[in-house]
Amino acid sequence: MSLFRFISNNILFKFDPEFIHDVTQVILSNKFAPYLTSLYFTSNTHISKTYIMGEELNSPLALAAGFDKNCSILKVLDKLGFGYIVGGTVTLNPRIGNLKPRIARYVDENSMVNSLGFPNLGVDKIIDNLSKYDLKTPLIMSISGDSISEITQLYKLLSDYCFGFEINISSPNTEKLKYFHDYHNFEDLIKNLNGIKNKPYMIKLPRLKIRDLDQKTKRLYEEYFQILLDYKVDGLVLSNTFPFEDDILKTGKGGLSGKPLYQNTKDLISFASQFFNGKLDIVASGGISTSEEVKELIYEGAKGIQLWTSLIYEGPNVIKRINKELSCE
């Protein structure tokens, strides 16, 4: 057991998950945090480069959306060895999210369930935060909203601050996003984004199933995939958390993340890769925590690998470890 996991199990995990996350954000906002972080976590090992949406990246590893919702600790995250970072998810106006408690840990399974509902300070404040940084790590902004108009406004407002976008229509904790799960509405969103496009973007699709992909589920995905292909969308993230009922949460339901999702993520990547045959970039997200899993997903066709829950359970050293093990190949 690592020192980080020992401390987490015996101290950190005794507290409310969101409280610990908020305290961590405050600590990492300190002006000395980037310096201290770089001393310990930055790796000088040479990782195989990859390209996502035309951008050259030093590692396939990426920080998934939701870890730095308000882009307040990017200076620290810039030092950790990610190939790229996803900031947000950002909405046009501030949101407080769903009622608390809205995060539950399942330590024995290395998983979590959250019903956050996009809490963030809104685009104006987040632009203020972004304007303070000069990052070395490429940045993608995750954006979402209740309407096509809101999403396209966010795209325009944030396009000067990132190399590309992740359009999040997949959170199971935001009821109005189901509007975009209708294929006609989904296609309208893509049309409108293409009409204003000056930066590449990828779509983060919902996770429709957690077990084996049956033919019915594959057909549902193929409807989305064909629209992405027809409109030459740059990339695809597979996938978000899985809808999950949990009485610990105030809402009674949320999205499951972590280790139980890995096999489904692998199946999705394999299926999507066969469908697209290299015509867009595919990013894997869900249940990934080892270099072996990263290698499997790259073999199946993923260009990028997003981490989130593994950071909670293993700490930032998981990035250095995976990068180092990949560099030994």
C-alpha atoms as a PDB file:
ATOM      1  CA  MET A   1       0.000   0.000   0.000  1.00  0.00           C
ATOM      2  CA  SER A   2       1.359   3.430  -0.962  1.00  0.00           C
ATOM      3  CA  LEU A   3       1.865   6.162   1.633  1.00  0.00           C
ATOM      4  CA  PHE A   4      -0.856   8.243  -0.035  1.00  0.00           C
ATOM      5  CA  ARG A   5      -3.356   5.377   0.151  1.00  0.00           C
ATOM      6  CA  PHE A   6      -2.430   4.672   3.775  1.00  0.00           C
ATOM      7  CA  ILE A   7      -3.024   8.320   4.725  1.00  0.00           C
ATOM      8  CA  SER A   8      -6.237   8.404   2.696  1.00  0.00           C
ATOM      9  CA  ASN A   9      -7.660   5.237   4.258  1.00  0.00           C
ATOM     10  CA  ASN A  10      -6.785   6.224   7.810  1.00  0.00           C
ATOM     11  CA  ILE A  11      -7.363   9.990   7.741  1.00  0.00           C
ATOM     12  CA  LEU A  12      -8.743  11.587   4.576  1.00  0.00           C
ATOM     13  CA  PHE A  13     -11.486   9.046   3.903  1.00  0.00           C
ATOM     14  CA  LYS A  14     -12.885   9.633   7.387  1.00  0.00           C
ATOM     15  CA  PHE A  15     -14.164  13.011   6.193  1.00  0.00           C
ATOM     16  CA  ASP A  16     -16.848  14.033   3.713  1.00  0.00           C
ATOM     17  CA  PRO A  17     -15.459  13.559   0.163  1.00  0.00           C
ATOM     18  CA  GLU A  18     -16.425  17.009  -1.058  1.00  0.00           C
ATOM     19  CA  PHE A  19     -14.953  18.660   2.039  1.00  0.00           C
ATOM     20  CA  ILE A  20     -11.603  16.977   1.365  1.00  0.00           C
ATOM     21  CA  HIS A  21     -11.732  17.998  -2.300  1.00  0.00           C
ATOM     22  CA  ASP A  22     -12.452  21.625  -1.355  1.00  0.00           C
ATOM     23  CA  VAL A  23      -9.632  21.680   1.211  1.00  0.00           C
ATOM     24  CA  THR A  24      -7.263  20.223  -1.388  1.00  0.00           C
ATOM     25  CA  GLN A  25      -8.245  22.964  -3.833  1.00  0.00           C
ATOM     26  CA  VAL A  26      -7.491  25.638  -1.228  1.00  0.00           C
ATOM     27  CA  ILE A  27      -4.083  24.109  -0.452  1.00  0.00           C
ATOM     28  CA  LEU A  28      -3.186  23.794  -4.129  1.00  0.00           C
ATOM     29  CA  SER A  29      -4.202  27.408  -4.745  1.00  0.00           C
ATOM     30  CA  ASN A  30      -1.308  28.523  -2.535  1.00  0.00           C
ATOM     31  CA  LYS A  31       1.407  30.326  -4.502  1.00  0.00           C
ATOM     32  CA  PHE A  32       4.065  27.845  -3.321  1.00  0.00           C
ATOM     33  CA  ALA A  33       2.097  24.755  -4.361  1.00  0.00           C
ATOM     34  CA  PRO A  34       3.281  24.635  -8.009  1.00  0.00           C
ATOM     35  CA  TYR A  35       6.931  24.761  -6.939  1.00  0.00           C
ATOM     36  CA  LEU A  36       6.556  22.021  -4.340  1.00  0.00           C
ATOM     37  CA  THR A  37       4.509  19.883  -6.710  1.00  0.00           C
ATOM     38  CA  SER A  38       7.059  20.153  -9.511  1.00  0.00           C
ATOM     39  CA  LEU A  39       9.857  19.005  -7.205  1.00  0.00           C
ATOM     40  CA  TYR A  40       8.136  15.724  -6.448  1.00  0.00           C
ATOM     41  CA  PHE A  41       5.789  14.839  -9.269  1.00  0.00           C
ATOM     42  CA  THR A  42       7.216  16.095 -12.549  1.00  0.00           C
ATOM     43  CA  SER A  43       8.888  13.281 -14.440  1.00  0.00           C
ATOM     44  CA  ASN A  44      11.701  13.774 -16.921  1.00  0.00           C
ATOM     45  CA  THR A  45      11.084  10.445 -18.603  1.00  0.00           C
ATOM     46  CA  HIS A  46      10.317  10.584 -22.303  1.00  0.00           C
ATOM     47  CA  ILE A  47       6.844   9.327 -23.114  1.00  0.00           C
ATOM     48  CA  SER A  48       5.690   8.410 -26.603  1.00  0.00           C
ATOM     49  CA  LYS A  49       4.053  11.483 -28.032  1.00  0.00           C
ATOM     50  CA  THR A  50       0.511  11.390 -29.318  1.00  0.00           C
ATOM     51  CA  TYR A  51      -1.740  13.742 -31.265  1.00  0.00           C
ATOM     52  CA  ILE A  52      -5.285  14.655 -30.336  1.00  0.00           C
ATOM     53  CA  MET A  53      -7.318  17.010 -32.530  1.00  0.00           C
ATOM     54  CA  GLY A  54      -4.085  18.074 -34.235  1.00  0.00           C
ATOM     55  CA  GLU A  55      -2.274  18.982 -31.008  1.00  0.00           C
ATOM     56  CA  GLU A  56       1.016  17.258 -30.184  1.00  0.00           C
ATOM     57  CA  LEU A  57       0.955  15.924 -26.621  1.00  0.00           C
ATOM     58  CA  ASN A  58       3.841  14.697 -24.471  1.00  0.00           C
ATOM     59  CA  SER A  59       1.760  11.914 -22.898  1.00  0.00           C
ATOM     60  CA  PRO A  60      -1.538  10.169 -23.658  1.00  0.00           C
ATOM     61  CA  LEU A  61      -2.662  10.821 -20.061  1.00  0.00           C
ATOM     62  CA  ALA A  62      -5.169  13.595 -19.411  1.00  0.00           C
ATOM     63  CA  LEU A  63      -6.990  14.993 -16.421  1.00  0.00           C
ATOM     64  CA  ALA A  64     -10.724  14.472 -16.901  1.00  0.00           C
ATOM     65  CA  ALA A  65     -13.290  17.228 -16.461  1.00  0.00           C
ATOM     66  CA  GLY A  66     -14.630  17.852 -12.978  1.00  0.00           C
ATOM     67  CA  PHE A  67     -11.385  17.865 -11.012  1.00  0.00           C
ATOM     68  CA  ASP A  68     -10.714  21.584 -11.501  1.00  0.00           C
ATOM     69  CA  LYS A  69     -14.193  22.903 -12.211  1.00  0.00           C
ATOM     70  CA  ASN A  70     -13.282  26.585 -11.866  1.00  0.00           C
ATOM     71  CA  CYS A  71      -9.766  26.423 -13.330  1.00  0.00           C
ATOM     72  CA  SER A  72      -8.364  27.626 -10.023  1.00  0.00           C
ATOM     73  CA  ILE A  73      -5.419  25.213  -9.666  1.00  0.00           C
ATOM     74  CA  LEU A  74      -4.212  24.856 -13.248  1.00  0.00           C
ATOM     75  CA  LYS A  75      -0.759  26.122 -12.282  1.00  0.00           C
ATOM     76  CA  VAL A  76      -0.296  23.050 -10.083  1.00  0.00           C
ATOM     77  CA  LEU A  77      -1.898  20.630 -12.531  1.00  0.00           C
ATOM     78  CA  ASP A  78       0.462  21.969 -15.215  1.00  0.00           C
ATOM     79  CA  LYS A  79       3.378  20.345 -13.337  1.00  0.00           C
ATOM     80  CA  LEU A  80       2.020  16.825 -12.932  1.00  0.00           C
ATOM     81  CA  GLY A  81       2.935  15.280 -16.286  1.00  0.00           C
ATOM     82  CA  PHE A  82      -0.423  15.223 -18.061  1.00  0.00           C
ATOM     83  CA  GLY A  83      -0.501  15.317 -21.851  1.00  0.00           C
ATOM     84  CA  TYR A  84      -3.449  17.671 -21.584  1.00  0.00           C
ATOM     85  CA  ILE A  85      -5.836  18.965 -18.944  1.00  0.00           C
ATOM     86  CA  VAL A  86      -9.610  19.346 -19.167  1.00  0.00           C
ATOM     87  CA  GLY A  87     -10.875  22.365 -17.239  1.00  0.00           C
ATOM     88  CA  GLY A  88     -14.490  22.704 -16.128  1.00  0.00           C
ATOM     89  CA  THR A  89     -17.214  21.685 -16.792  1.00  0.00           C
ATOM     90  CA  VAL A  90     -18.181  25.339 -17.302  1.00  0.00           C
ATOM     91  CA  THR A  91     -21.703  26.718 -17.708  1.00  0.00           C
ATOM     92  CA  LEU A  92     -22.717  30.188 -18.837  1.00  0.00           C
ATOM     93  CA  ASN A  93     -23.987  31.278 -15.428  1.00  0.00           C
ATOM     94  CA  PRO A  94     -22.880  30.194 -11.942  1.00  0.00           C
ATOM     95  CA  ARG A  95     -24.449  26.981 -10.647  1.00  0.00           C
ATOM     96  CA  ILE A  96     -24.527  25.636  -7.120  1.00  0.00           C
ATOM     97  CA  GLY A  97     -25.210  22.099  -8.313  1.00  0.00           C
ATOM     98  CA  ASN A  98     -27.368  19.517  -6.608  1.00  0.00           C
ATOM     99  CA  LEU A  99     -28.083  19.310  -2.882  1.00  0.00           C
ATOM    100  CA  LYS A 100     -25.502  17.748  -0.553  1.00  0.00           C
ATOM    101  CA  PRO A 101     -24.430  15.103   0.220  1.00  0.00           C
ATOM    102  CA  ARG A 102     -23.591  14.514  -3.405  1.00  0.00           C
ATOM    103  CA  ILE A 103     -20.489  12.284  -3.351  1.00  0.00           C
ATOM    104  CA  ALA A 104     -20.184   8.755  -1.953  1.00  0.00           C
ATOM    105  CA  ARG A 105     -16.970   6.727  -1.797  1.00  0.00           C
ATOM    106  CA  TYR A 106     -16.707   2.964  -2.149  1.00  0.00           C
ATOM    107  CA  VAL A 107     -13.122   2.417  -1.075  1.00  0.00           C
ATOM    108  CA  ASP A 108     -13.086  -1.381  -1.420  1.00  0.00           C
ATOM    109  CA  GLU A 109     -14.060  -1.046  -5.092  1.00  0.00           C
ATOM    110  CA  ASN A 110     -11.930   2.032  -5.871  1.00  0.00           C
ATOM    111  CA  SER A 111     -15.109   3.733  -7.046  1.00  0.00           C
ATOM    112  CA  MET A 112     -17.275   6.751  -6.317  1.00  0.00           C
ATOM    113  CA  VAL A 113     -20.805   7.924  -7.013  1.00  0.00           C
ATOM    114  CA  ASN A 114     -21.430  11.635  -7.496  1.00  0.00           C
ATOM    115  CA  SER A 115     -24.473  13.785  -8.141  1.00  0.00           C
ATOM    116  CA  LEU A 116     -22.664  17.127  -8.355  1.00  0.00           C
ATOM    117  CA  GLY A 117     -24.697  18.683 -11.161  1.00  0.00           C
ATOM    118  CA  PHE A 118     -22.023  21.016 -12.603  1.00  0.00           C
ATOM    119  CA  PRO A 119     -21.303  23.328  -9.641  1.00  0.00           C
ATOM    120  CA  ASN A 120     -19.094  26.129 -10.996  1.00  0.00           C
ATOM    121  CA  LEU A 121     -18.585  29.885 -10.793  1.00  0.00           C
ATOM    122  CA  GLY A 122     -19.824  30.595 -14.313  1.00  0.00           C
ATOM    123  CA  VAL A 123     -17.889  31.541 -17.417  1.00  0.00           C
ATOM    124  CA  ASP A 124     -17.047  35.156 -16.484  1.00  0.00           C
ATOM    125  CA  LYS A 125     -15.211  34.219 -13.291  1.00  0.00           C
ATOM    126  CA  ILE A 126     -13.540  31.259 -14.960  1.00  0.00           C
ATOM    127  CA  ILE A 127     -12.244  33.506 -17.744  1.00  0.00           C
ATOM    128  CA  ASP A 128     -10.751  35.717 -15.012  1.00  0.00           C
ATOM    129  CA  ASN A 129      -8.970  32.651 -13.654  1.00  0.00           C
ATOM    130  CA  LEU A 130      -7.785  31.495 -17.085  1.00  0.00           C
ATOM    131  CA  SER A 131      -6.328  34.903 -17.919  1.00  0.00           C
ATOM    132  CA  LYS A 132      -3.796  34.500 -15.073  1.00  0.00           C
ATOM    133  CA  TYR A 133      -2.086  31.435 -16.531  1.00  0.00           C
ATOM    134  CA  ASP A 134       0.618  30.735 -19.062  1.00  0.00           C
ATOM    135  CA  LEU A 135       0.436  26.952 -19.189  1.00  0.00           C
ATOM    136  CA  LYS A 136       2.842  24.517 -20.801  1.00  0.00           C
ATOM    137  CA  THR A 137       0.296  21.701 -20.756  1.00  0.00           C
ATOM    138  CA  PRO A 138      -2.353  21.994 -23.496  1.00  0.00           C
ATOM    139  CA  LEU A 139      -5.800  22.870 -22.159  1.00  0.00           C
ATOM    140  CA  ILE A 140      -9.208  21.661 -23.300  1.00  0.00           C
ATOM    141  CA  MET A 141     -12.301  23.304 -21.839  1.00  0.00           C
ATOM    142  CA  SER A 142     -15.330  21.197 -20.969  1.00  0.00           C
ATOM    143  CA  ILE A 143     -18.538  23.127 -21.578  1.00  0.00           C
ATOM    144  CA  SER A 144     -22.201  22.303 -21.161  1.00  0.00           C
ATOM    145  CA  GLY A 145     -25.599  23.906 -20.921  1.00  0.00           C
ATOM    146  CA  ASP A 146     -29.330  23.508 -21.139  1.00  0.00           C
ATOM    147  CA  SER A 147     -29.594  24.789 -24.709  1.00  0.00           C
ATOM    148  CA  ILE A 148     -27.701  25.011 -27.980  1.00  0.00           C
ATOM    149  CA  SER A 149     -27.459  28.771 -27.489  1.00  0.00           C
ATOM    150  CA  GLU A 150     -25.745  28.400 -24.112  1.00  0.00           C
ATOM    151  CA  ILE A 151     -23.197  25.916 -25.432  1.00  0.00           C
ATOM    152  CA  THR A 152     -22.361  27.976 -28.519  1.00  0.00           C
ATOM    153  CA  GLN A 153     -21.975  31.137 -26.412  1.00  0.00           C
ATOM    154  CA  LEU A 154     -19.527  29.304 -24.160  1.00  0.00           C
ATOM    155  CA  TYR A 155     -17.607  28.084 -27.186  1.00  0.00           C
ATOM    156  CA  LYS A 156     -17.194  31.644 -28.456  1.00  0.00           C
ATOM    157  CA  LEU A 157     -16.279  33.103 -25.052  1.00  0.00           C
ATOM    158  CA  LEU A 158     -13.645  30.493 -24.207  1.00  0.00           C
ATOM    159  CA  SER A 159     -12.037  29.841 -27.587  1.00  0.00           C
ATOM    160  CA  ASP A 160      -9.101  32.174 -26.865  1.00  0.00           C
ATOM    161  CA  TYR A 161      -8.151  30.241 -23.728  1.00  0.00           C
ATOM    162  CA  CYS A 162      -7.780  26.646 -24.932  1.00  0.00           C
ATOM    163  CA  PHE A 163      -6.705  24.587 -27.916  1.00  0.00           C
ATOM    164  CA  GLY A 164     -10.038  22.773 -28.100  1.00  0.00           C
ATOM    165  CA  PHE A 165     -13.302  21.847 -26.426  1.00  0.00           C
ATOM    166  CA  GLU A 166     -15.017  18.876 -24.849  1.00  0.00           C
ATOM    167  CA  ILE A 167     -18.788  19.201 -25.211  1.00  0.00           C
ATOM    168  CA  ASN A 168     -20.371  17.464 -22.233  1.00  0.00           C
ATOM    169  CA  ILE A 169     -23.873  16.249 -23.021  1.00  0.00           C
ATOM    170  CA  SER A 170     -23.460  13.120 -20.952  1.00  0.00           C
ATOM    171  CA  SER A 171     -23.662  13.861 -17.229  1.00  0.00           C
ATOM    172  CA  PRO A 172     -26.337  11.664 -15.601  1.00  0.00           C
ATOM    173  CA  ASN A 173     -26.723  14.316 -12.871  1.00  0.00           C
ATOM    174  CA  THR A 174     -28.078  17.106 -15.072  1.00  0.00           C
ATOM    175  CA  GLU A 175     -31.611  16.316 -16.176  1.00  0.00           C
ATOM    176  CA  LYS A 176     -31.855  18.877 -18.979  1.00  0.00           C
ATOM    177  CA  LEU A 177     -28.917  17.318 -20.829  1.00  0.00           C
ATOM    178  CA  LYS A 178     -31.256  14.519 -21.880  1.00  0.00           C
ATOM    179  CA  TYR A 179     -32.536  16.997 -24.474  1.00  0.00           C
ATOM    180  CA  PHE A 180     -29.345  16.319 -26.434  1.00  0.00           C
ATOM    181  CA  HIS A 181     -29.746  12.554 -26.203  1.00  0.00           C
ATOM    182  CA  ASP A 182     -32.454  12.866 -28.842  1.00  0.00           C
ATOM    183  CA  TYR A 183     -30.685  12.312 -32.165  1.00  0.00           C
ATOM    184  CA  HIS A 184     -32.320  15.272 -33.923  1.00  0.00           C
ATOM    185  CA  ASN A 185     -31.398  17.669 -31.116  1.00  0.00           C
ATOM    186  CA  PHE A 186     -27.897  16.184 -31.017  1.00  0.00           C
ATOM    187  CA  GLU A 187     -27.506  16.788 -34.735  1.00  0.00           C
ATOM    188  CA  ASP A 188     -28.750  20.381 -34.364  1.00  0.00           C
ATOM    189  CA  LEU A 189     -26.102  20.999 -31.701  1.00  0.00           C
ATOM    190  CA  ILE A 190     -23.351  19.686 -33.985  1.00  0.00           C
ATOM    191  CA  LYS A 191     -24.614  21.810 -36.894  1.00  0.00           C
ATOM    192  CA  ASN A 192     -24.556  24.946 -34.764  1.00  0.00           C
ATOM    193  CA  LEU A 193     -21.091  24.223 -33.394  1.00  0.00           C
ATOM    194  CA  ASN A 194     -19.741  23.646 -36.890  1.00  0.00           C
ATOM    195  CA  GLY A 195     -21.256  26.966 -37.935  1.00  0.00           C
ATOM    196  CA  ILE A 196     -19.051  28.893 -35.477  1.00  0.00           C
ATOM    197  CA  LYS A 197     -16.093  26.528 -35.333  1.00  0.00           C
ATOM    198  CA  ASN A 198     -12.637  28.049 -34.971  1.00  0.00           C
ATOM    199  CA  LYS A 199     -11.199  25.443 -32.595  1.00  0.00           C
ATOM    200  CA  PRO A 200     -11.506  21.647 -32.700  1.00  0.00           C
ATOM    201  CA  TYR A 201     -13.962  19.944 -30.392  1.00  0.00           C
ATOM    202  CA  MET A 202     -14.861  16.492 -29.137  1.00  0.00           C
ATOM    203  CA  ILE A 203     -18.144  15.166 -27.810  1.00  0.00           C
ATOM    204  CA  LYS A 204     -18.416  13.336 -24.491  1.00  0.00           C
ATOM    205  CA  LEU A 205     -21.189  10.777 -24.886  1.00  0.00           C
ATOM    206  CA  PRO A 206     -23.248   9.164 -22.112  1.00  0.00           C
ATOM    207  CA  ARG A 207     -22.470   5.674 -20.852  1.00  0.00           C
ATOM    208  CA  LEU A 208     -25.519   3.656 -21.849  1.00  0.00           C
ATOM    209  CA  LYS A 209     -24.582   0.391 -20.192  1.00  0.00           C
ATOM    210  CA  ILE A 210     -22.073  -0.935 -17.661  1.00  0.00           C
ATOM    211  CA  ARG A 211     -21.982  -4.581 -18.711  1.00  0.00           C
ATOM    212  CA  ASP A 212     -21.453  -6.227 -22.089  1.00  0.00           C
ATOM    213  CA  LEU A 213     -22.402  -4.188 -25.142  1.00  0.00           C
ATOM    214  CA  ASP A 214     -25.406  -5.934 -26.672  1.00  0.00           C
ATOM    215  CA  GLN A 215     -26.628  -5.282 -30.201  1.00  0.00           C
ATOM    216  CA  LYS A 216     -29.351  -2.890 -29.054  1.00  0.00           C
ATOM    217  CA  THR A 217     -26.838  -0.724 -27.185  1.00  0.00           C
ATOM    218  CA  LYS A 218     -24.442  -0.786 -30.133  1.00  0.00           C
ATOM    219  CA  ARG A 219     -27.195   0.447 -32.445  1.00  0.00           C
ATOM    220  CA  LEU A 220     -27.926   3.337 -30.065  1.00  0.00           C
ATOM    221  CA  TYR A 221     -24.269   4.356 -30.132  1.00  0.00           C
ATOM    222  CA  GLU A 222     -24.066   3.969 -33.901  1.00  0.00           C
ATOM    223  CA  GLU A 223     -26.750   6.648 -34.325  1.00  0.00           C
ATOM    224  CA  TYR A 224     -24.537   9.122 -32.438  1.00  0.00           C
ATOM    225  CA  PHE A 225     -21.397   7.901 -34.185  1.00  0.00           C
ATOM    226  CA  GLN A 226     -22.840   8.400 -37.653  1.00  0.00           C
ATOM    227  CA  ILE A 227     -23.729  12.023 -36.872  1.00  0.00           C
ATOM    228  CA  LEU A 228     -20.173  12.642 -35.648  1.00  0.00           C
ATOM    229  CA  LEU A 229     -18.848  11.101 -38.844  1.00  0.00           C
ATOM    230  CA  ASP A 230     -21.232  12.979 -41.140  1.00  0.00           C
ATOM    231  CA  TYR A 231     -20.291  16.351 -39.635  1.00  0.00           C
ATOM    232  CA  LYS A 232     -16.568  15.599 -39.348  1.00  0.00           C
ATOM    233  CA  VAL A 233     -16.377  16.133 -35.585  1.00  0.00           C
ATOM    234  CA  ASP A 234     -12.772  16.025 -34.376  1.00  0.00           C
ATOM    235  CA  GLY A 235     -13.023  13.695 -31.413  1.00  0.00           C
ATOM    236  CA  LEU A 236     -15.060  11.545 -29.074  1.00  0.00           C
ATOM    237  CA  VAL A 237     -14.770  10.806 -25.339  1.00  0.00           C
ATOM    238  CA  LEU A 238     -16.072   7.443 -24.135  1.00  0.00           C
ATOM    239  CA  SER A 239     -17.460   7.836 -21.683  1.00  0.00           C
ATOM    240  CA  ASN A 240     -18.992   9.576 -18.690  1.00  0.00           C
ATOM    241  CA  THR A 241     -20.101   8.055 -15.391  1.00  0.00           C
ATOM    242  CA  PHE A 242     -22.825   5.399 -15.298  1.00  0.00           C
ATOM    243  CA  PRO A 243     -26.277   6.240 -13.830  1.00  0.00           C
ATOM    244  CA  PHE A 244     -26.487   4.651 -10.385  1.00  0.00           C
ATOM    245  CA  GLU A 245     -29.000   4.747  -7.530  1.00  0.00           C
ATOM    246  CA  ASP A 246     -27.500   5.523  -4.119  1.00  0.00           C
ATOM    247  CA  ASP A 247     -29.380   6.391  -0.927  1.00  0.00           C
ATOM    248  CA  ILE A 248     -26.319   8.128   0.524  1.00  0.00           C
ATOM    249  CA  LEU A 249     -26.837  10.951  -1.955  1.00  0.00           C
ATOM    250  CA  LYS A 250     -29.478  13.588  -1.336  1.00  0.00           C
ATOM    251  CA  THR A 251     -30.789  13.119  -4.871  1.00  0.00           C
ATOM    252  CA  GLY A 252     -30.917   9.337  -4.428  1.00  0.00           C
ATOM    253  CA  LYS A 253     -28.962   8.771  -7.620  1.00  0.00           C
ATOM    254  CA  GLY A 254     -25.757   9.820  -9.321  1.00  0.00           C
ATOM    255  CA  GLY A 255     -22.997   8.688 -11.623  1.00  0.00           C
ATOM    256  CA  LEU A 256     -20.691   5.764 -10.848  1.00  0.00           C
ATOM    257  CA  SER A 257     -16.988   6.214 -11.632  1.00  0.00           C
ATOM    258  CA  GLY A 258     -13.855   4.212 -10.964  1.00  0.00           C
ATOM    259  CA  LYS A 259     -12.642   0.649 -11.326  1.00  0.00           C
ATOM    260  CA  PRO A 260     -16.017  -1.090 -12.050  1.00  0.00           C
ATOM    261  CA  LEU A 261     -16.245   0.848 -15.338  1.00  0.00           C
ATOM    262  CA  TYR A 262     -12.986  -0.299 -16.895  1.00  0.00           C
ATOM    263  CA  GLN A 263     -14.171  -3.311 -18.907  1.00  0.00           C
ATOM    264  CA  ASN A 264     -17.083  -1.335 -20.330  1.00  0.00           C
ATOM    265  CA  THR A 265     -14.705   1.486 -21.270  1.00  0.00           C
ATOM    266  CA  LYS A 266     -12.459  -0.984 -23.072  1.00  0.00           C
ATOM    267  CA  ASP A 267     -15.421  -2.506 -24.928  1.00  0.00           C
ATOM    268  CA  LEU A 268     -16.630   0.952 -25.974  1.00  0.00           C
ATOM    269  CA  ILE A 269     -13.215   1.974 -27.284  1.00  0.00           C
ATOM    270  CA  SER A 270     -12.866  -1.229 -29.290  1.00  0.00           C
ATOM    271  CA  PHE A 271     -16.352  -0.865 -30.770  1.00  0.00           C
ATOM    272  CA  ALA A 272     -15.915   2.835 -31.615  1.00  0.00           C
ATOM    273  CA  SER A 273     -12.480   2.273 -33.125  1.00  0.00           C
ATOM    274  CA  GLN A 274     -13.847  -0.340 -35.502  1.00  0.00           C
ATOM    275  CA  PHE A 275     -16.686   1.993 -36.482  1.00  0.00           C
ATOM    276  CA  PHE A 276     -14.586   5.102 -37.138  1.00  0.00           C
ATOM    277  CA  ASN A 277     -11.474   3.399 -38.516  1.00  0.00           C
ATOM    278  CA  GLY A 278      -9.221   6.345 -37.640  1.00  0.00           C
ATOM    279  CA  LYS A 279     -11.535   9.082 -38.945  1.00  0.00           C
ATOM    280  CA  LEU A 280     -11.710  10.853 -35.580  1.00  0.00           C
ATOM    281  CA  ASP A 281      -9.728  10.795 -32.354  1.00  0.00           C
ATOM    282  CA  ILE A 282     -11.069   8.623 -29.541  1.00  0.00           C
ATOM    283  CA  VAL A 283     -10.368   9.296 -25.858  1.00  0.00           C
ATOM    284  CA  ALA A 284     -10.969   6.688 -23.151  1.00  0.00           C
ATOM    285  CA  SER A 285     -12.419   7.699 -19.793  1.00  0.00           C
ATOM    286  CA  GLY A 286     -13.619   5.489 -16.961  1.00  0.00           C
ATOM    287  CA  GLY A 287     -11.988   3.081 -14.515  1.00  0.00           C
ATOM    288  CA  ILE A 288      -8.370   3.497 -15.641  1.00  0.00           C
ATOM    289  CA  SER A 289      -5.552   3.336 -13.099  1.00  0.00           C
ATOM    290  CA  THR A 290      -2.635   1.250 -14.431  1.00  0.00           C
ATOM    291  CA  SER A 291      -0.166   1.373 -17.313  1.00  0.00           C
ATOM    292  CA  GLU A 292      -1.393  -2.059 -18.434  1.00  0.00           C
ATOM    293  CA  GLU A 293      -4.901  -0.673 -18.855  1.00  0.00           C
ATOM    294  CA  VAL A 294      -3.544   2.356 -20.709  1.00  0.00           C
ATOM    295  CA  LYS A 295      -1.665   0.070 -23.104  1.00  0.00           C
ATOM    296  CA  GLU A 296      -4.771  -2.056 -23.662  1.00  0.00           C
ATOM    297  CA  LEU A 297      -6.870   0.995 -24.485  1.00  0.00           C
ATOM    298  CA  ILE A 298      -4.270   2.428 -26.855  1.00  0.00           C
ATOM    299  CA  TYR A 299      -4.105  -0.964 -28.567  1.00  0.00           C
ATOM    300  CA  GLU A 300      -7.905  -0.897 -28.926  1.00  0.00           C
ATOM    301  CA  GLY A 301      -7.708   2.520 -30.604  1.00  0.00           C
ATOM    302  CA  ALA A 302      -7.672   5.260 -27.949  1.00  0.00           C
ATOM    303  CA  LYS A 303      -5.489   8.307 -28.614  1.00  0.00           C
ATOM    304  CA  GLY A 304      -5.915   9.739 -25.115  1.00  0.00           C
ATOM    305  CA  ILE A 305      -6.601   8.382 -21.630  1.00  0.00           C
ATOM    306  CA  GLN A 306      -8.476  10.436 -19.026  1.00  0.00           C
ATOM    307  CA  LEU A 307      -7.981   9.941 -15.280  1.00  0.00           C
ATOM    308  CA  TRP A 308     -10.129  11.174 -12.389  1.00  0.00           C
ATOM    309  CA  THR A 309     -11.156   8.677  -9.709  1.00  0.00           C
ATOM    310  CA  SER A 310      -7.721   7.014  -9.705  1.00  0.00           C
ATOM    311  CA  LEU A 311      -6.275  10.364  -8.595  1.00  0.00           C
ATOM    312  CA  ILE A 312      -8.593  10.348  -5.592  1.00  0.00           C
ATOM    313  CA  TYR A 313      -7.488   6.888  -4.495  1.00  0.00           C
ATOM    314  CA  GLU A 314      -3.816   6.919  -5.507  1.00  0.00           C
ATOM    315  CA  GLY A 315      -2.878  10.597  -5.541  1.00  0.00           C
ATOM    316  CA  PRO A 316      -0.968  12.511  -8.229  1.00  0.00           C
ATOM    317  CA  ASN A 317       1.871   9.994  -8.187  1.00  0.00           C
ATOM    318  CA  VAL A 318      -0.309   7.712 -10.328  1.00  0.00           C
ATOM    319  CA  ILE A 319       0.486   9.995 -13.280  1.00  0.00           C
ATOM    320  CA  LYS A 320       4.229   9.791 -12.749  1.00  0.00           C
ATOM    321  CA  ARG A 321       4.047   6.021 -12.261  1.00  0.00           C
ATOM    322  CA  ILE A 322       2.051   5.364 -15.427  1.00  0.00           C
ATOM    323  CA  ASN A 323       4.192   7.735 -17.502  1.00  0.00           C
ATOM    324  CA  LYS A 324       7.354   6.077 -16.230  1.00  0.00           C
ATOM    325  CA  GLU A 325       6.062   2.585 -16.976  1.00  0.00           C
ATOM    326  CA  LEU A 326       4.954   3.644 -20.455  1.00  0.00           C
ATOM    327  CA  SER A 327       8.397   5.123 -21.124  1.00  0.00           C
ATOM    328  CA  CYS A 328      10.038   1.780 -20.363  1.00  0.00           C
ATOM    329  CA  GLU A 329       8.336   0.137 -23.321  1.00  0.00           C
END
